[in-house]
């Protein structure tokens, strides 16, 4: 299992939309489950990716990801947020 913490200037809502596009049916094809307004879990292929986002000081967004079996793709996604 891998945990990734990233910061971005993208809003938390936009991070969630980008996560849907990247990991969801139109992207990697993972099944999506909503865990909250700013927390999504994608599962498939024997693993999962959990993405959550929150606002922090200075207008930035903190993105927390936890993954198993999708480590490389989660890192790729984190790179798109900078």
N, C-alpha and C. Protein backbone atom coordinates (compact mmCIF):
# COMPACT_ATOMS: atom_id res chain seq x y z
N UNK A 1 0.85 -1.17 0.00
CA UNK A 1 0.00 0.00 0.00
C UNK A 1 0.89 1.23 0.00
N UNK A 2 0.42 2.27 -0.69
CA UNK A 2 1.17 3.51 -0.81
C UNK A 2 0.26 4.67 -0.43
N UNK A 3 0.83 5.64 0.28
CA UNK A 3 0.12 6.88 0.60
C UNK A 3 0.87 8.02 -0.06
N UNK A 4 0.12 8.90 -0.68
CA UNK A 4 0.68 10.06 -1.37
C UNK A 4 -0.04 11.30 -0.85
N UNK A 5 0.72 12.33 -0.53
CA UNK A 5 0.16 13.63 -0.17
C UNK A 5 0.73 14.64 -1.15
N UNK A 6 -0.16 15.42 -1.77
CA UNK A 6 0.27 16.42 -2.74
C UNK A 6 -0.47 17.72 -2.45
N UNK A 7 0.10 18.82 -2.94
CA UNK A 7 -0.58 20.11 -2.86
C UNK A 7 -0.76 20.63 -4.27
N UNK A 8 -1.84 21.39 -4.46
CA UNK A 8 -2.17 21.90 -5.78
C UNK A 8 -2.86 23.25 -5.66
N UNK A 9 -2.87 24.00 -6.74
CA UNK A 9 -3.64 25.24 -6.80
C UNK A 9 -5.04 24.97 -7.34
N UNK A 10 -5.30 23.76 -7.78
CA UNK A 10 -6.60 23.36 -8.30
C UNK A 10 -7.57 23.21 -7.12
N UNK A 11 -8.80 23.62 -7.30
CA UNK A 11 -9.79 23.54 -6.22
C UNK A 11 -10.07 22.08 -5.85
N UNK A 12 -10.51 21.83 -4.61
CA UNK A 12 -10.85 20.46 -4.23
C UNK A 12 -11.90 19.82 -5.15
N UNK A 13 -12.91 20.59 -5.55
CA UNK A 13 -13.95 20.04 -6.44
C UNK A 13 -13.36 19.65 -7.80
N UNK A 14 -12.45 20.46 -8.31
CA UNK A 14 -11.82 20.14 -9.60
C UNK A 14 -10.91 18.92 -9.46
N UNK A 15 -10.23 18.78 -8.33
CA UNK A 15 -9.41 17.58 -8.10
C UNK A 15 -10.29 16.33 -8.18
N UNK A 16 -11.47 16.40 -7.56
CA UNK A 16 -12.39 15.25 -7.59
C UNK A 16 -12.84 14.94 -9.01
N UNK A 17 -13.14 15.98 -9.79
CA UNK A 17 -13.57 15.78 -11.17
C UNK A 17 -12.44 15.17 -12.00
N UNK A 18 -11.24 15.65 -11.80
CA UNK A 18 -10.09 15.09 -12.52
C UNK A 18 -9.84 13.64 -12.11
N UNK A 19 -10.04 13.33 -10.83
CA UNK A 19 -9.87 11.94 -10.37
C UNK A 19 -10.88 11.03 -11.06
N UNK A 20 -12.14 11.49 -11.19
CA UNK A 20 -13.17 10.72 -11.90
C UNK A 20 -12.76 10.44 -13.33
N UNK A 21 -12.26 11.48 -14.00
CA UNK A 21 -11.84 11.32 -15.40
C UNK A 21 -10.64 10.39 -15.53
N UNK A 22 -9.71 10.47 -14.60
CA UNK A 22 -8.48 9.69 -14.67
C UNK A 22 -8.70 8.22 -14.31
N UNK A 23 -9.37 7.97 -13.18
CA UNK A 23 -9.50 6.61 -12.66
C UNK A 23 -10.81 5.93 -13.06
N UNK A 24 -11.85 6.70 -13.30
CA UNK A 24 -13.19 6.15 -13.52
C UNK A 24 -13.39 5.47 -14.86
N UNK A 25 -14.67 5.22 -15.21
CA UNK A 25 -15.00 4.47 -16.43
C UNK A 25 -14.44 5.07 -17.72
N UNK A 26 -14.34 6.39 -17.80
CA UNK A 26 -13.80 7.01 -19.02
C UNK A 26 -12.28 7.05 -19.03
N UNK A 27 -11.67 6.71 -17.90
CA UNK A 27 -10.21 6.70 -17.79
C UNK A 27 -9.70 5.27 -17.70
N UNK A 28 -9.24 4.90 -16.51
CA UNK A 28 -8.70 3.55 -16.30
C UNK A 28 -9.78 2.48 -16.17
N UNK A 29 -11.04 2.90 -16.06
CA UNK A 29 -12.13 1.94 -16.01
C UNK A 29 -12.42 1.35 -14.65
N UNK A 30 -11.96 2.02 -13.59
CA UNK A 30 -12.22 1.52 -12.24
C UNK A 30 -13.63 1.90 -11.80
N UNK A 31 -14.19 1.09 -10.93
CA UNK A 31 -15.51 1.35 -10.37
C UNK A 31 -15.40 2.44 -9.32
N UNK A 32 -16.32 3.38 -9.34
CA UNK A 32 -16.28 4.53 -8.42
C UNK A 32 -17.29 4.37 -7.30
N UNK A 33 -16.85 4.73 -6.09
CA UNK A 33 -17.73 4.78 -4.93
C UNK A 33 -17.48 6.11 -4.22
N UNK A 34 -18.54 6.81 -3.92
CA UNK A 34 -18.43 8.10 -3.23
C UNK A 34 -18.42 7.85 -1.73
N UNK A 35 -17.42 8.40 -1.05
CA UNK A 35 -17.34 8.28 0.41
C UNK A 35 -17.67 9.59 1.10
N UNK A 36 -17.80 10.64 0.34
CA UNK A 36 -18.11 11.95 0.89
C UNK A 36 -18.03 12.97 -0.21
N UNK A 37 -18.34 14.23 0.08
CA UNK A 37 -18.33 15.25 -0.96
C UNK A 37 -16.96 15.44 -1.60
N UNK A 38 -15.91 15.21 -0.86
CA UNK A 38 -14.56 15.39 -1.40
C UNK A 38 -13.70 14.15 -1.16
N UNK A 39 -14.33 12.97 -1.24
CA UNK A 39 -13.61 11.71 -1.08
C UNK A 39 -14.22 10.65 -1.99
N UNK A 40 -13.39 10.10 -2.87
CA UNK A 40 -13.81 9.06 -3.80
C UNK A 40 -12.92 7.85 -3.65
N UNK A 41 -13.51 6.67 -3.86
CA UNK A 41 -12.73 5.43 -3.88
C UNK A 41 -13.00 4.75 -5.22
N UNK A 42 -11.94 4.36 -5.87
CA UNK A 42 -12.01 3.64 -7.14
C UNK A 42 -11.46 2.24 -6.90
N UNK A 43 -12.17 1.23 -7.40
CA UNK A 43 -11.69 -0.14 -7.19
C UNK A 43 -11.75 -0.94 -8.48
N UNK A 44 -10.88 -1.94 -8.54
CA UNK A 44 -10.81 -2.82 -9.69
C UNK A 44 -9.42 -3.41 -9.79
N UNK A 45 -9.32 -4.50 -10.54
CA UNK A 45 -8.01 -5.11 -10.75
C UNK A 45 -7.36 -5.61 -9.48
N UNK A 46 -8.16 -5.91 -8.47
CA UNK A 46 -7.61 -6.41 -7.21
C UNK A 46 -7.08 -5.34 -6.29
N UNK A 47 -7.34 -4.08 -6.61
CA UNK A 47 -6.83 -3.00 -5.78
C UNK A 47 -7.80 -1.85 -5.70
N UNK A 48 -7.30 -0.72 -5.19
CA UNK A 48 -8.14 0.46 -5.02
C UNK A 48 -7.28 1.71 -5.02
N UNK A 49 -7.95 2.84 -5.23
CA UNK A 49 -7.36 4.16 -5.06
C UNK A 49 -8.38 5.00 -4.30
N UNK A 50 -7.99 5.58 -3.18
CA UNK A 50 -8.84 6.51 -2.43
C UNK A 50 -8.25 7.90 -2.59
N UNK A 51 -9.08 8.84 -3.04
CA UNK A 51 -8.63 10.22 -3.26
C UNK A 51 -9.50 11.14 -2.43
N UNK A 52 -8.87 12.00 -1.63
CA UNK A 52 -9.62 13.02 -0.91
C UNK A 52 -8.89 14.35 -1.07
N UNK A 53 -9.66 15.43 -0.99
CA UNK A 53 -9.08 16.76 -1.18
C UNK A 53 -9.67 17.71 -0.16
N UNK A 54 -8.86 18.65 0.29
CA UNK A 54 -9.33 19.65 1.24
C UNK A 54 -8.57 20.95 1.02
N UNK A 55 -9.23 22.06 1.33
CA UNK A 55 -8.60 23.37 1.22
C UNK A 55 -7.65 23.59 2.37
N UNK A 56 -6.51 24.21 2.07
CA UNK A 56 -5.55 24.58 3.10
C UNK A 56 -5.23 26.07 2.94
N UNK A 57 -4.46 26.61 3.85
CA UNK A 57 -4.11 28.03 3.82
C UNK A 57 -3.47 28.42 2.50
N UNK A 58 -3.69 29.66 2.14
CA UNK A 58 -3.06 30.19 0.93
C UNK A 58 -3.78 29.81 -0.35
N UNK A 59 -5.01 29.34 -0.25
CA UNK A 59 -5.76 28.99 -1.45
C UNK A 59 -5.30 27.72 -2.13
N UNK A 60 -4.57 26.90 -1.42
CA UNK A 60 -4.07 25.66 -1.99
C UNK A 60 -4.98 24.51 -1.58
N UNK A 61 -4.81 23.38 -2.25
CA UNK A 61 -5.58 22.18 -1.96
C UNK A 61 -4.64 21.07 -1.58
N UNK A 62 -4.96 20.39 -0.50
CA UNK A 62 -4.21 19.21 -0.08
C UNK A 62 -4.93 17.99 -0.64
N UNK A 63 -4.18 17.13 -1.31
CA UNK A 63 -4.74 15.92 -1.89
C UNK A 63 -4.08 14.73 -1.21
N UNK A 64 -4.90 13.88 -0.62
CA UNK A 64 -4.43 12.66 0.03
C UNK A 64 -4.88 11.46 -0.79
N UNK A 65 -3.95 10.57 -1.10
CA UNK A 65 -4.29 9.36 -1.83
C UNK A 65 -3.72 8.15 -1.10
N UNK A 66 -4.49 7.10 -1.15
CA UNK A 66 -4.07 5.81 -0.60
C UNK A 66 -4.38 4.79 -1.68
N UNK A 67 -3.45 3.90 -1.96
CA UNK A 67 -3.66 2.97 -3.06
C UNK A 67 -3.00 1.62 -2.81
N UNK A 68 -3.57 0.62 -3.42
CA UNK A 68 -2.97 -0.71 -3.46
C UNK A 68 -3.18 -1.24 -4.87
N UNK A 69 -2.13 -1.70 -5.49
CA UNK A 69 -2.10 -2.24 -6.85
C UNK A 69 -2.16 -1.18 -7.94
N UNK A 70 -2.37 0.07 -7.60
CA UNK A 70 -2.44 1.15 -8.59
C UNK A 70 -1.42 2.24 -8.28
N UNK A 71 -0.31 1.86 -7.66
CA UNK A 71 0.68 2.83 -7.21
C UNK A 71 1.23 3.70 -8.34
N UNK A 72 1.60 3.09 -9.46
CA UNK A 72 2.18 3.87 -10.56
C UNK A 72 1.18 4.87 -11.12
N UNK A 73 -0.06 4.43 -11.30
CA UNK A 73 -1.09 5.32 -11.84
C UNK A 73 -1.44 6.42 -10.84
N UNK A 74 -1.43 6.12 -9.55
CA UNK A 74 -1.69 7.15 -8.54
C UNK A 74 -0.58 8.20 -8.58
N UNK A 75 0.65 7.78 -8.75
CA UNK A 75 1.75 8.74 -8.88
C UNK A 75 1.58 9.59 -10.13
N UNK A 76 1.17 8.93 -11.23
CA UNK A 76 0.93 9.68 -12.48
C UNK A 76 -0.15 10.74 -12.25
N UNK A 77 -1.23 10.37 -11.57
CA UNK A 77 -2.30 11.32 -11.30
C UNK A 77 -1.80 12.48 -10.45
N UNK A 78 -1.03 12.18 -9.42
CA UNK A 78 -0.50 13.24 -8.54
C UNK A 78 0.33 14.25 -9.35
N UNK A 79 1.06 13.76 -10.32
CA UNK A 79 1.88 14.66 -11.16
C UNK A 79 1.01 15.63 -11.97
N UNK A 80 -0.21 15.22 -12.33
CA UNK A 80 -1.08 16.08 -13.13
C UNK A 80 -1.63 17.25 -12.32
N UNK A 81 -1.50 17.20 -11.00
CA UNK A 81 -2.08 18.22 -10.15
C UNK A 81 -1.17 19.39 -9.87
N UNK A 82 0.09 19.29 -10.24
CA UNK A 82 1.02 20.39 -9.91
C UNK A 82 0.96 21.53 -10.92
